[in-house]
Amino acid sequence: MLMFGTNTVSHIIRDRLPKTPPMSTALQKICISTISEAELVFGMRRRQEARTLDKLIRNFIASIAIVAFDREAAERYAALRADMRRMGKIPTE
């Protein structure tokens, strides 16, 4: 299973990426984190007039697995990011 980030999902929803294999098959093989779900819903609520976008996002979220970003995930993320920064693999803020 592949976990997509918010930007990737946004491109899929806006039909900017090719849908190969068929989207119904592809949706069974991907997931997003609860953080991405929150960001998508936030973006949708910022644009209250965008009813079509609302429907697309809600349908997409209902079609895929949502994986919790819990404390263990946060700890692992923080450790990996700190290690990568020390190695010069990610830009500093």
PDB file of N, CA and C in Angstrom:
ATOM      1  N   MET A   1       0.848  -1.170   0.000  1.00  0.00           N
ATOM      2  CA  MET A   1       0.000   0.000   0.000  1.00  0.00           C
ATOM      3  C   MET A   1       0.903   1.246   0.000  1.00  0.00           C
ATOM      4  N   LEU A   2       0.510   2.241  -0.760  1.00  0.00           N
ATOM      5  CA  LEU A   2       1.251   3.497  -0.839  1.00  0.00           C
ATOM      6  C   LEU A   2       0.502   4.589  -0.103  1.00  0.00           C
ATOM      7  N   MET A   3       1.232   5.385   0.691  1.00  0.00           N
ATOM      8  CA  MET A   3       0.609   6.515   1.364  1.00  0.00           C
ATOM      9  C   MET A   3       0.908   7.779   0.570  1.00  0.00           C
ATOM     10  N   PHE A   4      -0.146   8.446   0.125  1.00  0.00           N
ATOM     11  CA  PHE A   4       0.001   9.684  -0.617  1.00  0.00           C
ATOM     12  C   PHE A   4      -0.118  10.871   0.320  1.00  0.00           C
ATOM     13  N   GLY A   5       0.624  11.913   0.002  1.00  0.00           N
ATOM     14  CA  GLY A   5       0.536  13.157   0.751  1.00  0.00           C
ATOM     15  C   GLY A   5      -0.558  14.048   0.195  1.00  0.00           C
ATOM     16  N   THR A   6      -0.783  15.145   0.882  1.00  0.00           N
ATOM     17  CA  THR A   6      -1.857  16.067   0.520  1.00  0.00           C
ATOM     18  C   THR A   6      -1.715  16.617  -0.892  1.00  0.00           C
ATOM     19  N   ASN A   7      -0.511  17.019  -1.282  1.00  0.00           N
ATOM     20  CA  ASN A   7      -0.325  17.588  -2.623  1.00  0.00           C
ATOM     21  C   ASN A   7      -0.625  16.573  -3.722  1.00  0.00           C
ATOM     22  N   THR A   8      -0.199  15.342  -3.533  1.00  0.00           N
ATOM     23  CA  THR A   8      -0.466  14.301  -4.522  1.00  0.00           C
ATOM     24  C   THR A   8      -1.965  14.070  -4.660  1.00  0.00           C
ATOM     25  N   VAL A   9      -2.649  13.995  -3.520  1.00  0.00           N
ATOM     26  CA  VAL A   9      -4.097  13.795  -3.551  1.00  0.00           C
ATOM     27  C   VAL A   9      -4.791  14.970  -4.234  1.00  0.00           C
ATOM     28  N   SER A  10      -4.333  16.166  -3.964  1.00  0.00           N
ATOM     29  CA  SER A  10      -4.923  17.351  -4.601  1.00  0.00           C
ATOM     30  C   SER A  10      -4.810  17.259  -6.117  1.00  0.00           C
ATOM     31  N   HIS A  11      -3.650  16.810  -6.602  1.00  0.00           N
ATOM     32  CA  HIS A  11      -3.470  16.650  -8.045  1.00  0.00           C
ATOM     33  C   HIS A  11      -4.399  15.572  -8.603  1.00  0.00           C
ATOM     34  N   ILE A  12      -4.549  14.484  -7.886  1.00  0.00           N
ATOM     35  CA  ILE A  12      -5.438  13.417  -8.340  1.00  0.00           C
ATOM     36  C   ILE A  12      -6.872  13.933  -8.406  1.00  0.00           C
ATOM     37  N   ILE A  13      -7.297  14.611  -7.373  1.00  0.00           N
ATOM     38  CA  ILE A  13      -8.670  15.116  -7.322  1.00  0.00           C
ATOM     39  C   ILE A  13      -8.919  16.118  -8.447  1.00  0.00           C
ATOM     40  N   ARG A  14      -7.946  16.915  -8.739  1.00  0.00           N
ATOM     41  CA  ARG A  14      -8.101  17.904  -9.806  1.00  0.00           C
ATOM     42  C   ARG A  14      -7.836  17.310 -11.186  1.00  0.00           C
ATOM     43  N   ASP A  15      -7.620  15.999 -11.240  1.00  0.00           N
ATOM     44  CA  ASP A  15      -7.422  15.280 -12.494  1.00  0.00           C
ATOM     45  C   ASP A  15      -6.167  15.736 -13.236  1.00  0.00           C
ATOM     46  N   ARG A  16      -5.127  16.036 -12.490  1.00  0.00           N
ATOM     47  CA  ARG A  16      -3.882  16.462 -13.112  1.00  0.00           C
ATOM     48  C   ARG A  16      -2.924  15.314 -13.362  1.00  0.00           C
ATOM     49  N   LEU A  17      -3.213  14.180 -12.801  1.00  0.00           N
ATOM     50  CA  LEU A  17      -2.354  13.013 -13.020  1.00  0.00           C
ATOM     51  C   LEU A  17      -3.124  11.970 -13.808  1.00  0.00           C
ATOM     52  N   PRO A  18      -2.431  11.208 -14.637  1.00  0.00           N
ATOM     53  CA  PRO A  18      -3.133  10.173 -15.410  1.00  0.00           C
ATOM     54  C   PRO A  18      -3.739   9.130 -14.485  1.00  0.00           C
ATOM     55  N   LYS A  19      -4.854   8.591 -14.880  1.00  0.00           N
ATOM     56  CA  LYS A  19      -5.551   7.595 -14.068  1.00  0.00           C
ATOM     57  C   LYS A  19      -5.267   6.194 -14.602  1.00  0.00           C
ATOM     58  N   THR A  20      -4.013   5.795 -14.545  1.00  0.00           N
ATOM     59  CA  THR A  20      -3.634   4.470 -14.994  1.00  0.00           C
ATOM     60  C   THR A  20      -2.922   3.778 -13.846  1.00  0.00           C
ATOM     61  N   PRO A  21      -3.321   2.620 -13.376  1.00  0.00           N
ATOM     62  CA  PRO A  21      -4.457   1.829 -13.818  1.00  0.00           C
ATOM     63  C   PRO A  21      -5.779   2.519 -13.491  1.00  0.00           C
ATOM     64  N   PRO A  22      -6.908   1.891 -13.875  1.00  0.00           N
ATOM     65  CA  PRO A  22      -8.194   2.525 -13.581  1.00  0.00           C
ATOM     66  C   PRO A  22      -8.272   2.970 -12.126  1.00  0.00           C
ATOM     67  N   MET A  23      -8.863   4.140 -11.903  1.00  0.00           N
ATOM     68  CA  MET A  23      -8.870   4.728 -10.571  1.00  0.00           C
ATOM     69  C   MET A  23      -9.451   3.792  -9.521  1.00  0.00           C
ATOM     70  N   SER A  24     -10.487   3.037  -9.824  1.00  0.00           N
ATOM     71  CA  SER A  24     -11.068   2.149  -8.828  1.00  0.00           C
ATOM     72  C   SER A  24     -10.043   1.125  -8.346  1.00  0.00           C
ATOM     73  N   THR A  25      -9.193   0.642  -9.235  1.00  0.00           N
ATOM     74  CA  THR A  25      -8.137  -0.303  -8.863  1.00  0.00           C
ATOM     75  C   THR A  25      -7.057   0.408  -8.065  1.00  0.00           C
ATOM     76  N   ALA A  26      -6.685   1.588  -8.507  1.00  0.00           N
ATOM     77  CA  ALA A  26      -5.626   2.337  -7.839  1.00  0.00           C
ATOM     78  C   ALA A  26      -6.023   2.723  -6.421  1.00  0.00           C
ATOM     79  N   LEU A  27      -7.278   3.086  -6.209  1.00  0.00           N
ATOM     80  CA  LEU A  27      -7.722   3.509  -4.878  1.00  0.00           C
ATOM     81  C   LEU A  27      -7.589   2.403  -3.849  1.00  0.00           C
ATOM     82  N   GLN A  28      -7.661   1.161  -4.286  1.00  0.00           N
ATOM     83  CA  GLN A  28      -7.523   0.042  -3.362  1.00  0.00           C
ATOM     84  C   GLN A  28      -6.089  -0.125  -2.881  1.00  0.00           C
ATOM     85  N   LYS A  29      -5.153   0.530  -3.549  1.00  0.00           N
ATOM     86  CA  LYS A  29      -3.743   0.352  -3.235  1.00  0.00           C
ATOM     87  C   LYS A  29      -3.110   1.559  -2.557  1.00  0.00           C
ATOM     88  N   ILE A  30      -3.912   2.580  -2.250  1.00  0.00           N
ATOM     89  CA  ILE A  30      -3.345   3.773  -1.619  1.00  0.00           C
ATOM     90  C   ILE A  30      -4.065   4.096  -0.326  1.00  0.00           C
ATOM     91  N   CYS A  31      -3.401   4.938   0.464  1.00  0.00           N
ATOM     92  CA  CYS A  31      -4.002   5.444   1.696  1.00  0.00           C
ATOM     93  C   CYS A  31      -3.467   6.856   1.917  1.00  0.00           C
ATOM     94  N   ILE A  32      -4.080   7.550   2.841  1.00  0.00           N
ATOM     95  CA  ILE A  32      -3.569   8.852   3.275  1.00  0.00           C
ATOM     96  C   ILE A  32      -3.560   8.854   4.796  1.00  0.00           C
ATOM     97  N   SER A  33      -2.813   9.774   5.372  1.00  0.00           N
ATOM     98  CA  SER A  33      -2.781   9.896   6.827  1.00  0.00           C
ATOM     99  C   SER A  33      -3.925  10.787   7.294  1.00  0.00           C
ATOM    100  N   THR A  34      -4.201  10.718   8.571  1.00  0.00           N
ATOM    101  CA  THR A  34      -5.219  11.590   9.146  1.00  0.00           C
ATOM    102  C   THR A  34      -4.805  13.056   8.997  1.00  0.00           C
ATOM    103  N   ILE A  35      -3.524  13.327   8.933  1.00  0.00           N
ATOM    104  CA  ILE A  35      -3.047  14.698   8.722  1.00  0.00           C
ATOM    105  C   ILE A  35      -3.442  15.177   7.328  1.00  0.00           C
ATOM    106  N   SER A  36      -3.221  14.349   6.321  1.00  0.00           N
ATOM    107  CA  SER A  36      -3.632  14.714   4.957  1.00  0.00           C
ATOM    108  C   SER A  36      -5.142  14.888   4.866  1.00  0.00           C
ATOM    109  N   GLU A  37      -5.881  14.016   5.532  1.00  0.00           N
ATOM    110  CA  GLU A  37      -7.338  14.153   5.544  1.00  0.00           C
ATOM    111  C   GLU A  37      -7.733  15.514   6.124  1.00  0.00           C
ATOM    112  N   ALA A  38      -7.124  15.880   7.238  1.00  0.00           N
ATOM    113  CA  ALA A  38      -7.434  17.167   7.867  1.00  0.00           C
ATOM    114  C   ALA A  38      -7.084  18.335   6.938  1.00  0.00           C
ATOM    115  N   GLU A  39      -5.947  18.257   6.266  1.00  0.00           N
ATOM    116  CA  GLU A  39      -5.543  19.330   5.352  1.00  0.00           C
ATOM    117  C   GLU A  39      -6.499  19.445   4.168  1.00  0.00           C
ATOM    118  N   LEU A  40      -6.955  18.320   3.638  1.00  0.00           N
ATOM    119  CA  LEU A  40      -7.906  18.344   2.528  1.00  0.00           C
ATOM    120  C   LEU A  40      -9.242  18.955   2.950  1.00  0.00           C
ATOM    121  N   VAL A  41      -9.729  18.546   4.110  1.00  0.00           N
ATOM    122  CA  VAL A  41     -11.005  19.081   4.598  1.00  0.00           C
ATOM    123  C   VAL A  41     -10.862  20.572   4.910  1.00  0.00           C
ATOM    124  N   PHE A  42      -9.745  20.969   5.485  1.00  0.00           N
ATOM    125  CA  PHE A  42      -9.498  22.390   5.750  1.00  0.00           C
ATOM    126  C   PHE A  42      -9.527  23.190   4.446  1.00  0.00           C
ATOM    127  N   GLY A  43      -8.817  22.701   3.433  1.00  0.00           N
ATOM    128  CA  GLY A  43      -8.797  23.382   2.149  1.00  0.00           C
ATOM    129  C   GLY A  43     -10.188  23.495   1.547  1.00  0.00           C
ATOM    130  N   MET A  44     -10.974  22.456   1.722  1.00  0.00           N
ATOM    131  CA  MET A  44     -12.337  22.446   1.216  1.00  0.00           C
ATOM    132  C   MET A  44     -13.181  23.485   1.954  1.00  0.00           C
ATOM    133  N   ARG A  45     -13.035  23.568   3.256  1.00  0.00           N
ATOM    134  CA  ARG A  45     -13.830  24.512   4.053  1.00  0.00           C
ATOM    135  C   ARG A  45     -13.420  25.961   3.816  1.00  0.00           C
ATOM    136  N   ARG A  46     -12.170  26.165   3.427  1.00  0.00           N
ATOM    137  CA  ARG A  46     -11.732  27.526   3.091  1.00  0.00           C
ATOM    138  C   ARG A  46     -12.480  28.050   1.890  1.00  0.00           C
ATOM    139  N   ARG A  47     -12.877  27.153   1.017  1.00  0.00           N
ATOM    140  CA  ARG A  47     -13.583  27.520  -0.211  1.00  0.00           C
ATOM    141  C   ARG A  47     -15.015  27.019  -0.122  1.00  0.00           C
ATOM    142  N   GLN A  48     -15.776  27.630   0.723  1.00  0.00           N
ATOM    143  CA  GLN A  48     -17.135  27.177   0.990  1.00  0.00           C
ATOM    144  C   GLN A  48     -18.018  27.163  -0.249  1.00  0.00           C
ATOM    145  N   GLU A  49     -17.703  28.005  -1.218  1.00  0.00           N
ATOM    146  CA  GLU A  49     -18.527  28.059  -2.421  1.00  0.00           C
ATOM    147  C   GLU A  49     -18.239  26.919  -3.393  1.00  0.00           C
ATOM    148  N   ALA A  50     -17.196  26.163  -3.157  1.00  0.00           N
ATOM    149  CA  ALA A  50     -16.764  25.110  -4.084  1.00  0.00           C
ATOM    150  C   ALA A  50     -17.461  23.791  -3.771  1.00  0.00           C
ATOM    151  N   ARG A  51     -18.722  23.691  -4.090  1.00  0.00           N
ATOM    152  CA  ARG A  51     -19.496  22.476  -3.795  1.00  0.00           C
ATOM    153  C   ARG A  51     -19.009  21.266  -4.585  1.00  0.00           C
ATOM    154  N   THR A  52     -18.559  21.486  -5.810  1.00  0.00           N
ATOM    155  CA  THR A  52     -18.031  20.380  -6.612  1.00  0.00           C
ATOM    156  C   THR A  52     -16.773  19.823  -5.977  1.00  0.00           C
ATOM    157  N   LEU A  53     -15.885  20.713  -5.526  1.00  0.00           N
ATOM    158  CA  LEU A  53     -14.665  20.284  -4.852  1.00  0.00           C
ATOM    159  C   LEU A  53     -15.004  19.529  -3.579  1.00  0.00           C
ATOM    160  N   ASP A  54     -15.972  20.015  -2.837  1.00  0.00           N
ATOM    161  CA  ASP A  54     -16.413  19.353  -1.614  1.00  0.00           C
ATOM    162  C   ASP A  54     -16.826  17.919  -1.903  1.00  0.00           C
ATOM    163  N   LYS A  55     -17.624  17.726  -2.933  1.00  0.00           N
ATOM    164  CA  LYS A  55     -18.100  16.393  -3.288  1.00  0.00           C
ATOM    165  C   LYS A  55     -16.939  15.495  -3.732  1.00  0.00           C
ATOM    166  N   LEU A  56     -16.029  16.033  -4.531  1.00  0.00           N
ATOM    167  CA  LEU A  56     -14.879  15.250  -4.988  1.00  0.00           C
ATOM    168  C   LEU A  56     -14.015  14.793  -3.816  1.00  0.00           C
ATOM    169  N   ILE A  57     -13.736  15.707  -2.897  1.00  0.00           N
ATOM    170  CA  ILE A  57     -12.898  15.370  -1.733  1.00  0.00           C
ATOM    171  C   ILE A  57     -13.598  14.346  -0.856  1.00  0.00           C
ATOM    172  N   ARG A  58     -14.861  14.564  -0.571  1.00  0.00           N
ATOM    173  CA  ARG A  58     -15.606  13.612   0.282  1.00  0.00           C
ATOM    174  C   ARG A  58     -15.659  12.224  -0.359  1.00  0.00           C
ATOM    175  N   ASN A  59     -15.898  12.157  -1.659  1.00  0.00           N
ATOM    176  CA  ASN A  59     -15.935  10.861  -2.347  1.00  0.00           C
ATOM    177  C   ASN A  59     -14.571  10.186  -2.331  1.00  0.00           C
ATOM    178  N   PHE A  60     -13.508  10.968  -2.540  1.00  0.00           N
ATOM    179  CA  PHE A  60     -12.161  10.407  -2.534  1.00  0.00           C
ATOM    180  C   PHE A  60     -11.827   9.845  -1.153  1.00  0.00           C
ATOM    181  N   ILE A  61     -12.079  10.635  -0.121  1.00  0.00           N
ATOM    182  CA  ILE A  61     -11.774  10.204   1.248  1.00  0.00           C
ATOM    183  C   ILE A  61     -12.561   8.940   1.607  1.00  0.00           C
ATOM    184  N   ALA A  62     -13.801   8.859   1.154  1.00  0.00           N
ATOM    185  CA  ALA A  62     -14.630   7.686   1.452  1.00  0.00           C
ATOM    186  C   ALA A  62     -14.149   6.441   0.706  1.00  0.00           C
ATOM    187  N   SER A  63     -13.345   6.633  -0.340  1.00  0.00           N
ATOM    188  CA  SER A  63     -12.926   5.511  -1.198  1.00  0.00           C
ATOM    189  C   SER A  63     -11.585   4.898  -0.829  1.00  0.00           C
ATOM    190  N   ILE A  64     -10.859   5.512   0.099  1.00  0.00           N
ATOM    191  CA  ILE A  64      -9.516   5.025   0.404  1.00  0.00           C
ATOM    192  C   ILE A  64      -9.357   4.764   1.896  1.00  0.00           C
ATOM    193  N   ALA A  65      -8.258   4.117   2.232  1.00  0.00           N
ATOM    194  CA  ALA A  65      -7.933   3.871   3.642  1.00  0.00           C
ATOM    195  C   ALA A  65      -7.323   5.130   4.244  1.00  0.00           C
ATOM    196  N   ILE A  66      -7.706   5.429   5.479  1.00  0.00           N
ATOM    197  CA  ILE A  66      -7.149   6.556   6.224  1.00  0.00           C
ATOM    198  C   ILE A  66      -6.363   5.956   7.387  1.00  0.00           C
ATOM    199  N   VAL A  67      -5.082   6.306   7.475  1.00  0.00           N
ATOM    200  CA  VAL A  67      -4.201   5.742   8.492  1.00  0.00           C
ATOM    201  C   VAL A  67      -3.904   6.800   9.547  1.00  0.00           C
ATOM    202  N   ALA A  68      -4.088   6.423  10.800  1.00  0.00           N
ATOM    203  CA  ALA A  68      -3.866   7.361  11.907  1.00  0.00           C
ATOM    204  C   ALA A  68      -2.391   7.742  12.015  1.00  0.00           C
ATOM    205  N   PHE A  69      -2.158   9.014  12.216  1.00  0.00           N
ATOM    206  CA  PHE A  69      -0.814   9.512  12.496  1.00  0.00           C
ATOM    207  C   PHE A  69      -0.760   9.704  14.001  1.00  0.00           C
ATOM    208  N   ASP A  70      -0.385   8.640  14.703  1.00  0.00           N
ATOM    209  CA  ASP A  70      -0.431   8.640  16.156  1.00  0.00           C
ATOM    210  C   ASP A  70       0.908   9.048  16.768  1.00  0.00           C
ATOM    211  N   ARG A  71       1.019   8.914  18.065  1.00  0.00           N
ATOM    212  CA  ARG A  71       2.249   9.328  18.760  1.00  0.00           C
ATOM    213  C   ARG A  71       3.466   8.544  18.291  1.00  0.00           C
ATOM    214  N   GLU A  72       3.293   7.252  18.076  1.00  0.00           N
ATOM    215  CA  GLU A  72       4.416   6.438  17.605  1.00  0.00           C
ATOM    216  C   GLU A  72       4.879   6.936  16.232  1.00  0.00           C
ATOM    217  N   ALA A  73       3.934   7.213  15.359  1.00  0.00           N
ATOM    218  CA  ALA A  73       4.282   7.731  14.034  1.00  0.00           C
ATOM    219  C   ALA A  73       4.971   9.090  14.156  1.00  0.00           C
ATOM    220  N   ALA A  74       4.492   9.935  15.047  1.00  0.00           N
ATOM    221  CA  ALA A  74       5.099  11.249  15.242  1.00  0.00           C
ATOM    222  C   ALA A  74       6.540  11.123  15.739  1.00  0.00           C
ATOM    223  N   GLU A  75       6.771  10.206  16.667  1.00  0.00           N
ATOM    224  CA  GLU A  75       8.126   9.988  17.190  1.00  0.00           C
ATOM    225  C   GLU A  75       9.058   9.483  16.096  1.00  0.00           C
ATOM    226  N   ARG A  76       8.586   8.537  15.301  1.00  0.00           N
ATOM    227  CA  ARG A  76       9.412   8.001  14.218  1.00  0.00           C
ATOM    228  C   ARG A  76       9.711   9.076  13.177  1.00  0.00           C
ATOM    229  N   TYR A  77       8.696   9.869  12.840  1.00  0.00           N
ATOM    230  CA  TYR A  77       8.878  10.962  11.884  1.00  0.00           C
ATOM    231  C   TYR A  77       9.928  11.941  12.402  1.00  0.00           C
ATOM    232  N   ALA A  78       9.805  12.338  13.662  1.00  0.00           N
ATOM    233  CA  ALA A  78      10.734  13.307  14.237  1.00  0.00           C
ATOM    234  C   ALA A  78      12.167  12.772  14.233  1.00  0.00           C
ATOM    235  N   ALA A  79      12.341  11.513  14.599  1.00  0.00           N
ATOM    236  CA  ALA A  79      13.678  10.911  14.618  1.00  0.00           C
ATOM    237  C   ALA A  79      14.270  10.842  13.211  1.00  0.00           C
ATOM    238  N   LEU A  80      13.461  10.398  12.244  1.00  0.00           N
ATOM    239  CA  LEU A  80      13.947  10.313  10.860  1.00  0.00           C
ATOM    240  C   LEU A  80      14.284  11.695  10.303  1.00  0.00           C
ATOM    241  N   ARG A  81      13.441  12.662  10.565  1.00  0.00           N
ATOM    242  CA  ARG A  81      13.688  14.006  10.050  1.00  0.00           C
ATOM    243  C   ARG A  81      14.939  14.611  10.681  1.00  0.00           C
ATOM    244  N   ALA A  82      15.129  14.397  11.970  1.00  0.00           N
ATOM    245  CA  ALA A  82      16.329  14.911  12.641  1.00  0.00           C
ATOM    246  C   ALA A  82      17.584  14.259  12.062  1.00  0.00           C
ATOM    247  N   ASP A  83      17.535  12.944  11.844  1.00  0.00           N
ATOM    248  CA  ASP A  83      18.675  12.244  11.243  1.00  0.00           C
ATOM    249  C   ASP A  83      18.967  12.773   9.835  1.00  0.00           C
ATOM    250  N   MET A  84      17.923  12.970   9.049  1.00  0.00           N
ATOM    251  CA  MET A  84      18.105  13.470   7.687  1.00  0.00           C
ATOM    252  C   MET A  84      18.689  14.883   7.686  1.00  0.00           C
ATOM    253  N   ARG A  85      18.231  15.698   8.601  1.00  0.00           N
ATOM    254  CA  ARG A  85      18.757  17.061   8.682  1.00  0.00           C
ATOM    255  C   ARG A  85      20.243  17.039   9.028  1.00  0.00           C
ATOM    256  N   ARG A  86      20.633  16.184   9.989  1.00  0.00           N
ATOM    257  CA  ARG A  86      22.036  16.071  10.366  1.00  0.00           C
ATOM    258  C   ARG A  86      22.888  15.624   9.182  1.00  0.00           C
ATOM    259  N   MET A  87      22.316  14.817   8.296  1.00  0.00           N
ATOM    260  CA  MET A  87      23.030  14.334   7.129  1.00  0.00           C
ATOM    261  C   MET A  87      22.946  15.311   5.959  1.00  0.00           C
ATOM    262  N   GLY A  88      22.243  16.420   6.156  1.00  0.00           N
ATOM    263  CA  GLY A  88      22.099  17.412   5.096  1.00  0.00           C
ATOM    264  C   GLY A  88      21.147  17.008   3.990  1.00  0.00           C
ATOM    265  N   LYS A  89      20.216  16.121   4.301  1.00  0.00           N
ATOM    266  CA  LYS A  89      19.296  15.587   3.288  1.00  0.00           C
ATOM    267  C   LYS A  89      18.014  16.411   3.125  1.00  0.00           C
ATOM    268  N   ILE A  90      17.704  17.290   4.079  1.00  0.00           N
ATOM    269  CA  ILE A  90      16.525  18.137   3.938  1.00  0.00           C
ATOM    270  C   ILE A  90      16.928  19.570   4.261  1.00  0.00           C
ATOM    271  N   PRO A  91      16.232  20.526   3.654  1.00  0.00           N
ATOM    272  CA  PRO A  91      16.584  21.920   3.937  1.00  0.00           C
ATOM    273  C   PRO A  91      16.189  22.315   5.364  1.00  0.00           C
ATOM    274  N   THR A  92      16.909  23.251   5.902  1.00  0.00           N
ATOM    275  CA  THR A  92      16.568  23.773   7.220  1.00  0.00           C
ATOM    276  C   THR A  92      15.503  24.847   7.069  1.00  0.00           C
ATOM    277  N   GLU A  93      14.782  25.072   8.148  1.00  0.00           N
ATOM    278  CA  GLU A  93      13.730  26.103   8.109  1.00  0.00           C
ATOM    279  C   GLU A  93      14.258  27.432   8.549  1.00  0.00           C
TER     280      GLU A  93
END
